[in-house]
Protein backbone atom coordinates (compact mmCIF):
# COMPACT_ATOMS: atom_id res chain seq x y z
CA UNK A 1 -94.70 -40.92 -19.82
CA UNK A 2 -92.11 -39.14 -17.67
CA UNK A 3 -89.31 -41.12 -16.04
CA UNK A 4 -90.68 -40.52 -12.52
CA UNK A 5 -94.19 -41.69 -13.42
CA UNK A 6 -92.75 -44.75 -15.10
CA UNK A 7 -90.69 -45.47 -11.98
CA UNK A 8 -93.70 -45.29 -9.61
CA UNK A 9 -95.80 -47.47 -11.89
CA UNK A 10 -92.97 -49.97 -12.14
CA UNK A 11 -92.63 -49.96 -8.34
CA UNK A 12 -96.32 -50.70 -7.79
CA UNK A 13 -96.38 -53.32 -10.54
CA UNK A 14 -93.23 -55.07 -9.30
CA UNK A 15 -94.23 -55.34 -5.65
CA UNK A 16 -97.80 -56.25 -6.64
CA UNK A 17 -96.29 -59.12 -8.58
CA UNK A 18 -94.68 -60.25 -5.31
CA UNK A 19 -98.14 -60.35 -3.69
CA UNK A 20 -99.47 -62.46 -6.56
CA UNK A 21 -96.54 -64.90 -6.56
CA UNK A 22 -96.58 -65.28 -2.77
CA UNK A 23 -100.31 -65.92 -2.75
CA UNK A 24 -100.02 -68.57 -5.47
CA UNK A 25 -97.13 -70.26 -3.66
CA UNK A 26 -99.08 -70.44 -0.39
CA UNK A 27 -102.11 -71.87 -2.20
CA UNK A 28 -100.04 -74.50 -4.03
CA UNK A 29 -98.29 -75.56 -0.80
CA UNK A 30 -101.59 -75.87 1.04
CA UNK A 31 -100.91 -73.04 3.46
CA UNK A 32 -104.08 -71.54 4.91
CA UNK A 33 -104.43 -67.90 3.96
CA UNK A 34 -105.10 -66.67 7.47
CA UNK A 35 -105.21 -63.02 8.50
CA UNK A 36 -101.62 -62.99 9.71
CA UNK A 37 -100.35 -64.74 6.54
CA UNK A 38 -102.10 -62.25 4.29
CA UNK A 39 -100.96 -59.46 6.57
CA UNK A 40 -97.38 -60.68 6.25
CA UNK A 41 -97.64 -60.64 2.44
CA UNK A 42 -98.96 -57.09 2.38
CA UNK A 43 -96.41 -56.05 4.98
CA UNK A 44 -93.65 -57.12 2.60
CA UNK A 45 -95.42 -55.17 -0.16
CA UNK A 46 -95.54 -51.97 1.92
CA UNK A 47 -92.03 -52.30 3.33
CA UNK A 48 -90.70 -53.20 -0.09
CA UNK A 49 -92.10 -50.02 -1.60
CA UNK A 50 -90.67 -47.82 1.16
CA UNK A 51 -87.26 -49.48 1.54
CA UNK A 52 -86.61 -49.80 -2.20
CA UNK A 53 -87.56 -46.14 -2.69
CA UNK A 54 -85.12 -45.12 0.04
CA UNK A 55 -82.54 -47.40 -1.58
CA UNK A 56 -83.07 -45.59 -4.88
CA UNK A 57 -82.59 -42.21 -3.17
CA UNK A 58 -79.33 -43.49 -1.69
CA UNK A 59 -78.18 -44.72 -5.13
CA UNK A 60 -78.78 -41.29 -6.63
CA UNK A 61 -77.22 -39.38 -3.72
CA UNK A 62 -74.06 -41.52 -3.70
CA UNK A 63 -73.67 -41.15 -7.47
CA UNK A 64 -73.84 -44.85 -8.23
CA UNK A 65 -75.58 -44.17 -11.52
CA UNK A 66 -72.37 -42.58 -12.79
CA UNK A 67 -70.22 -45.61 -11.95
CA UNK A 68 -69.27 -48.47 -14.23
CA UNK A 69 -70.61 -51.98 -13.76
CA UNK A 70 -67.39 -53.38 -12.27
CA UNK A 71 -67.34 -50.87 -9.40
CA UNK A 72 -71.10 -51.25 -8.88
CA UNK A 73 -71.13 -55.01 -8.28
CA UNK A 74 -69.51 -55.02 -4.79
CA UNK A 75 -71.50 -51.95 -3.71
CA UNK A 76 -74.82 -53.43 -4.80
CA UNK A 77 -73.97 -56.81 -3.22
CA UNK A 78 -73.15 -55.16 0.12
CA UNK A 79 -76.24 -52.95 -0.10
CA UNK A 80 -78.50 -55.98 -0.71
CA UNK A 81 -77.05 -57.77 2.34
CA UNK A 82 -77.50 -54.74 4.61
CA UNK A 83 -80.99 -54.08 3.27
CA UNK A 84 -81.97 -57.69 3.88
CA UNK A 85 -80.72 -57.51 7.47
CA UNK A 86 -82.50 -54.23 8.19
CA UNK A 87 -85.64 -55.25 6.31
CA UNK A 88 -85.88 -58.51 8.26
CA UNK A 89 -85.60 -56.67 11.60
CA UNK A 90 -88.35 -54.18 10.71
CA UNK A 91 -90.51 -56.95 9.24
CA UNK A 92 -90.38 -59.00 12.47
CA UNK A 93 -90.90 -55.94 14.68
CA UNK A 94 -94.02 -54.73 12.83
CA UNK A 95 -95.35 -58.29 12.42
CA UNK A 96 -95.03 -59.04 16.13
CA UNK A 97 -96.66 -55.74 16.98
CA UNK A 98 -99.48 -55.75 14.41
CA UNK A 99 -100.29 -59.43 13.96
CA UNK A 100 -99.24 -60.92 17.27
CA UNK A 101 -96.35 -62.89 15.88
CA UNK A 102 -93.88 -64.14 18.42
CA UNK A 103 -90.87 -64.31 16.12
CA UNK A 104 -87.26 -63.80 17.19
CA UNK A 105 -84.51 -62.40 14.99
CA UNK A 106 -82.19 -65.25 13.97
CA UNK A 107 -79.31 -65.11 11.48
CA UNK A 108 -80.25 -68.53 10.13
CA UNK A 109 -83.74 -67.44 9.07
CA UNK A 110 -84.31 -68.36 5.42
CA UNK A 111 -86.19 -65.08 4.96
CA UNK A 112 -82.89 -63.21 5.11
CA UNK A 113 -81.91 -64.92 1.86
CA UNK A 114 -85.34 -64.18 0.39
CA UNK A 115 -85.11 -60.46 1.19
CA UNK A 116 -81.55 -60.31 -0.16
CA UNK A 117 -82.69 -61.94 -3.40
CA UNK A 118 -85.63 -59.54 -3.69
CA UNK A 119 -83.39 -56.49 -3.39
CA UNK A 120 -80.83 -58.01 -5.75
CA UNK A 121 -83.56 -58.56 -8.40
CA UNK A 122 -84.82 -55.02 -7.79
CA UNK A 123 -81.27 -53.67 -8.26
CA UNK A 124 -80.76 -55.73 -11.41
CA UNK A 125 -83.97 -54.43 -12.99
CA UNK A 126 -83.35 -50.83 -11.92
CA UNK A 127 -79.73 -50.59 -13.10
CA UNK A 128 -80.52 -52.46 -16.32
CA UNK A 129 -83.22 -49.91 -17.11
CA UNK A 130 -80.96 -46.98 -16.21
CA UNK A 131 -78.06 -48.27 -18.34
CA UNK A 132 -80.40 -49.02 -21.23
CA UNK A 133 -81.83 -45.49 -21.09
CA UNK A 134 -78.34 -44.02 -20.88
CA UNK A 135 -77.19 -46.09 -23.87
CA UNK A 136 -80.29 -45.07 -25.82
CA UNK A 137 -79.77 -41.35 -25.08
CA UNK A 138 -76.09 -41.62 -26.01
CA UNK A 139 -76.97 -43.39 -29.23
CA UNK A 140 -79.54 -40.72 -30.12
CA UNK A 141 -77.01 -38.01 -29.29
CA UNK A 142 -74.37 -39.67 -31.49
CA UNK A 143 -76.86 -40.01 -34.34
CA UNK A 144 -77.80 -36.34 -34.01
CA UNK A 145 -74.14 -35.32 -34.02
CA UNK A 146 -73.43 -37.53 -37.02
CA UNK A 147 -76.46 -36.15 -38.84
CA UNK A 148 -75.40 -32.57 -38.07
CA UNK A 149 -71.86 -33.33 -39.22
CA UNK A 150 -73.08 -34.91 -42.46
CA UNK A 151 -75.45 -32.01 -43.07
CA UNK A 152 -72.60 -29.54 -42.56
CA UNK A 153 -70.33 -31.51 -44.89
CA UNK A 154 -73.02 -31.71 -47.57
CA UNK A 155 -73.61 -27.97 -47.51
CA UNK A 156 -69.90 -27.13 -47.31
CA UNK A 157 -69.03 -29.33 -50.28
CA UNK A 158 -72.00 -28.09 -52.28
CA UNK A 159 -71.21 -24.44 -51.58
CA UNK A 160 -67.60 -24.96 -52.71
CA UNK A 161 -68.77 -26.20 -56.10
CA UNK A 162 -71.67 -23.87 -56.94
CA UNK A 163 -69.86 -20.71 -58.17
CA UNK A 164 -66.95 -22.22 -60.12
CA UNK A 165 -68.35 -21.92 -63.62
CA UNK A 166 -69.76 -18.39 -63.26
CA UNK A 167 -66.54 -16.47 -63.90
CA UNK A 168 -65.77 -18.02 -67.28
CA UNK A 169 -69.40 -17.54 -68.31
CA UNK A 170 -69.22 -13.82 -67.54
CA UNK A 171 -66.06 -13.45 -69.61
CA UNK A 172 -67.69 -15.31 -72.50
CA UNK A 173 -70.77 -13.09 -72.41
CA UNK A 174 -68.58 -10.00 -72.26
CA UNK A 175 -66.78 -11.10 -75.43
CA UNK A 176 -70.08 -11.86 -77.19
CA UNK A 177 -71.62 -8.47 -76.50
CA UNK A 178 -69.67 -6.85 -79.36
CA UNK A 179 -69.34 -9.90 -81.61
CA UNK A 180 -72.89 -11.26 -81.50
CA UNK A 181 -75.36 -9.32 -79.32
CA UNK A 182 -78.18 -11.81 -79.98
CA UNK A 183 -76.04 -14.72 -78.84
CA UNK A 184 -74.87 -12.68 -75.85
CA UNK A 185 -78.49 -12.02 -74.90
CA UNK A 186 -79.26 -15.72 -75.16
CA UNK A 187 -76.17 -16.54 -73.06
CA UNK A 188 -77.35 -14.11 -70.35
CA UNK A 189 -80.68 -15.94 -70.26
CA UNK A 190 -78.92 -19.28 -69.97
CA UNK A 191 -76.61 -18.01 -67.24
CA UNK A 192 -79.64 -16.62 -65.42
CA UNK A 193 -81.25 -20.07 -65.58
CA UNK A 194 -78.11 -21.68 -64.19
CA UNK A 195 -77.81 -19.14 -61.37
CA UNK A 196 -81.48 -19.43 -60.46
CA UNK A 197 -81.20 -23.22 -60.39
CA UNK A 198 -78.02 -22.95 -58.35
CA UNK A 199 -79.69 -20.72 -55.75
CA UNK A 200 -82.67 -23.05 -55.50
CA UNK A 201 -80.38 -26.05 -55.28
CA UNK A 202 -78.71 -24.52 -52.24
CA UNK A 203 -81.93 -25.17 -50.32
CA UNK A 204 -82.10 -28.88 -51.21
CA UNK A 205 -79.94 -31.93 -50.70
CA UNK A 206 -81.25 -33.84 -53.71
CA UNK A 207 -83.01 -32.84 -56.94
CA UNK A 208 -84.38 -34.82 -59.90
CA UNK A 209 -81.83 -35.71 -62.56
CA UNK A 210 -84.05 -33.94 -65.11
CA UNK A 211 -83.51 -30.64 -63.33
CA UNK A 212 -79.77 -31.26 -63.12
CA UNK A 213 -79.70 -32.01 -66.87
CA UNK A 214 -81.39 -28.66 -67.58
CA UNK A 215 -78.68 -26.89 -65.58
CA UNK A 216 -75.92 -28.75 -67.42
CA UNK A 217 -77.47 -28.02 -70.83
CA UNK A 218 -77.60 -24.30 -70.10
CA UNK A 219 -74.02 -24.44 -68.84
CA UNK A 220 -72.84 -26.29 -71.95
CA UNK A 221 -74.60 -23.83 -74.24
CA UNK A 222 -72.62 -21.03 -72.59
CA UNK A 223 -69.39 -23.01 -73.02
CA UNK A 224 -70.21 -23.79 -76.66
CA UNK A 225 -70.55 -20.07 -77.24
CA UNK A 226 -67.04 -19.76 -75.86
CA UNK A 227 -65.37 -22.71 -77.61
CA UNK A 228 -67.57 -22.74 -80.75
CA UNK A 229 -66.52 -25.61 -83.05
CA UNK A 230 -64.00 -26.89 -80.52
CA UNK A 231 -66.76 -28.33 -78.36
CA UNK A 232 -69.30 -30.97 -79.43
CA UNK A 233 -71.97 -32.27 -77.07
CA UNK A 234 -74.10 -35.42 -77.37
CA UNK A 235 -76.89 -36.59 -75.07
CA UNK A 236 -78.43 -40.07 -74.68
CA UNK A 237 -80.85 -39.99 -71.74
CA UNK A 238 -82.75 -43.22 -71.09
CA UNK A 239 -86.49 -42.79 -70.53
CA UNK A 240 -87.35 -42.95 -66.85
CA UNK A 241 -83.87 -42.10 -65.61
CA UNK A 242 -84.76 -38.42 -65.23
CA UNK A 243 -86.61 -39.17 -62.00
CA UNK A 244 -83.58 -40.38 -60.06
CA UNK A 245 -82.50 -37.99 -57.28
CA UNK A 246 -79.02 -36.48 -57.44
CA UNK A 247 -77.06 -33.98 -55.31
CA UNK A 248 -77.45 -30.50 -56.89
CA UNK A 249 -74.76 -29.49 -59.42
CA UNK A 250 -72.97 -32.83 -59.06
CA UNK A 251 -73.22 -33.68 -62.78
CA UNK A 252 -72.44 -30.08 -63.68
CA UNK A 253 -69.21 -30.28 -61.65
CA UNK A 254 -68.11 -33.39 -63.55
CA UNK A 255 -68.90 -31.78 -66.92
CA UNK A 256 -67.05 -28.62 -65.89
CA UNK A 257 -63.97 -30.69 -65.07
CA UNK A 258 -64.24 -32.43 -68.45
CA UNK A 259 -64.01 -29.08 -70.20
CA UNK A 260 -61.55 -27.29 -67.93
CA UNK A 261 -59.05 -30.13 -67.50
CA UNK A 262 -59.67 -32.01 -70.73
CA UNK A 263 -61.05 -30.27 -73.79
CA UNK A 264 -59.72 -26.78 -72.95
CA UNK A 265 -56.15 -28.10 -73.05
CA UNK A 266 -56.50 -29.58 -76.56
CA UNK A 267 -55.78 -27.31 -79.57
CA UNK A 268 -58.55 -28.92 -81.59
CA UNK A 269 -60.97 -29.18 -78.67
CA UNK A 270 -63.04 -32.31 -78.27
CA UNK A 271 -66.41 -33.75 -77.42
CA UNK A 272 -68.57 -34.63 -74.44
CA UNK A 273 -71.11 -37.42 -74.48
CA UNK A 274 -73.52 -37.94 -71.58
CA UNK A 275 -75.42 -41.23 -71.44
CA UNK A 276 -77.76 -42.65 -68.81
CA UNK A 277 -78.55 -46.36 -68.39
CA UNK A 278 -81.60 -47.32 -66.35
CA UNK A 279 -81.51 -50.52 -64.28
CA UNK A 280 -84.04 -52.14 -61.95
CA UNK A 281 -82.84 -50.33 -58.84
CA UNK A 282 -80.24 -47.84 -60.06
CA UNK A 283 -79.13 -45.47 -62.80
CA UNK A 284 -75.65 -45.25 -64.31
CA UNK A 285 -74.60 -41.89 -65.73
CA UNK A 286 -71.64 -42.14 -68.14
CA UNK A 287 -69.75 -38.99 -69.10
CA UNK A 288 -67.26 -39.41 -71.96
CA UNK A 289 -64.87 -36.60 -72.78
CA UNK A 290 -61.88 -36.15 -75.01
CA UNK A 291 -58.58 -36.06 -73.12
CA UNK A 292 -56.56 -38.11 -70.65
CA UNK A 293 -56.90 -38.64 -66.92
CA UNK A 294 -53.89 -38.79 -64.62
CA UNK A 295 -54.92 -40.44 -61.32
CA UNK A 296 -51.69 -39.30 -59.67
CA UNK A 297 -52.12 -35.62 -60.51
CA UNK A 298 -52.86 -33.33 -57.57
CA UNK A 299 -55.06 -30.55 -58.90
CA UNK A 300 -58.37 -28.84 -58.41
CA UNK A 301 -59.89 -31.51 -60.66
CA UNK A 302 -58.81 -34.30 -58.32
CA UNK A 303 -60.08 -32.26 -55.35
CA UNK A 304 -63.40 -31.76 -57.12
CA UNK A 305 -63.68 -35.49 -57.76
CA UNK A 306 -62.96 -36.27 -54.11
CA UNK A 307 -65.59 -33.76 -53.05
CA UNK A 308 -68.06 -35.33 -55.46
CA UNK A 309 -67.35 -38.79 -54.04
CA UNK A 310 -67.81 -37.41 -50.53
CA UNK A 311 -71.16 -35.88 -51.48
CA UNK A 312 -72.33 -39.20 -52.90
CA UNK A 313 -71.20 -41.03 -49.80
CA UNK A 314 -72.91 -38.56 -47.49
CA UNK A 315 -76.14 -38.71 -49.49
CA UNK A 316 -76.35 -42.43 -50.26
CA UNK A 317 -73.59 -44.25 -48.36
CA UNK A 318 -72.31 -47.33 -50.20
CA UNK A 319 -75.31 -47.38 -52.54
CA UNK A 320 -73.72 -44.78 -54.84
CA UNK A 321 -70.23 -44.36 -56.23
CA UNK A 322 -68.11 -42.62 -58.85
CA UNK A 323 -65.37 -44.07 -61.04
CA UNK A 324 -63.11 -42.38 -63.57
CA UNK A 325 -60.51 -43.74 -65.97
CA UNK A 326 -59.02 -43.65 -69.46
CA UNK A 327 -60.45 -45.73 -72.28
CA UNK A 328 -59.44 -46.08 -75.93
CA UNK A 329 -59.10 -43.23 -78.45
CA UNK A 330 -58.04 -40.59 -75.91
CA UNK A 331 -61.32 -40.71 -74.06
CA UNK A 332 -61.97 -40.38 -70.36
CA UNK A 333 -64.98 -42.16 -68.90
CA UNK A 334 -66.58 -40.98 -65.67
CA UNK A 335 -69.40 -43.14 -64.28
CA UNK A 336 -71.82 -42.11 -61.55
CA UNK A 337 -73.91 -44.90 -60.03
CA UNK A 338 -77.06 -43.75 -58.23
CA UNK A 339 -79.82 -45.77 -56.52
CA UNK A 340 -83.35 -45.05 -57.68
CA UNK A 341 -84.44 -44.51 -54.06
CA UNK A 342 -82.28 -42.49 -51.64
CA UNK A 343 -81.56 -44.48 -48.49
CA UNK A 344 -79.35 -42.35 -46.27
CA UNK A 345 -80.01 -38.60 -46.43
CA UNK A 346 -83.09 -37.31 -48.17
CA UNK A 347 -84.16 -33.98 -46.75
CA UNK A 348 -84.89 -32.39 -50.11
CA UNK A 349 -87.93 -30.19 -50.51
CA UNK A 350 -88.40 -31.12 -54.13
CA UNK A 351 -91.14 -33.42 -55.35
């Protein structure tokens, strides 16, 4: 229903309610519902519709809808007083003319208070509705802006992370072409899988963990071809955890950091172990890697971790988080906590 249609229906309903209440009051007080009494009730109905509509036009023309409540109070109070005075004069004039009343205009007439109260109630209902609608539109606008901002941030952060591992992979494949053509061919296939998954991931906010694991496995196979015996990889994926939804390439980014800023710096290399633990309403992904983590270091790794945390926050709010720290035996533990059901942003096209 349009705002204007709603207004006219509200007008008719409101002033019809006055007819009903007035009629009930007269019946309860034992007043005989004579022609002039009924005529007076319907005269108030007709005048109320006309005067309140003109009052609304004045409100719009004077820009009262743009004012705050504090500045509106004295204006509305004065308007209700003036409307009551004018309404009472017209009411008596038409009543005397149409129904043969012989009423005189007196300032002590209790009806002046009644008309003032009617217009005050009308003003209260009208401005309450207008302010509620304005608040609702502003809230919807803010939600749309916040959603657009979050969507932009998600895509910006995701796009920053997608291409990072490609350059090293190309150098590795180039080196393998002469040394081991069969392995180079296999590495090209794996890189093709990663790139295809990366391009598809760019169209989605969340993908199944199983798909993310496939990307990471292909990536790690390429890196193992590069590091050979210096890189060992172990997987322990709990049954059922593969269905959890995860931002694309989020796990791959963590694993890439483990290699680039951990294992790659060690002469003897190291290992990566990826474990998932399934809980009633969440999944924990633990990534162990050889090396040490310096929380005070300002590097691309720390920037990548902050971006990853931002992506989790934008996708799940407080229901997901990431922690990283050193544990015994020169191991770094990174934990990603993900809810089984996305609750904040889930606009993925995946099943």
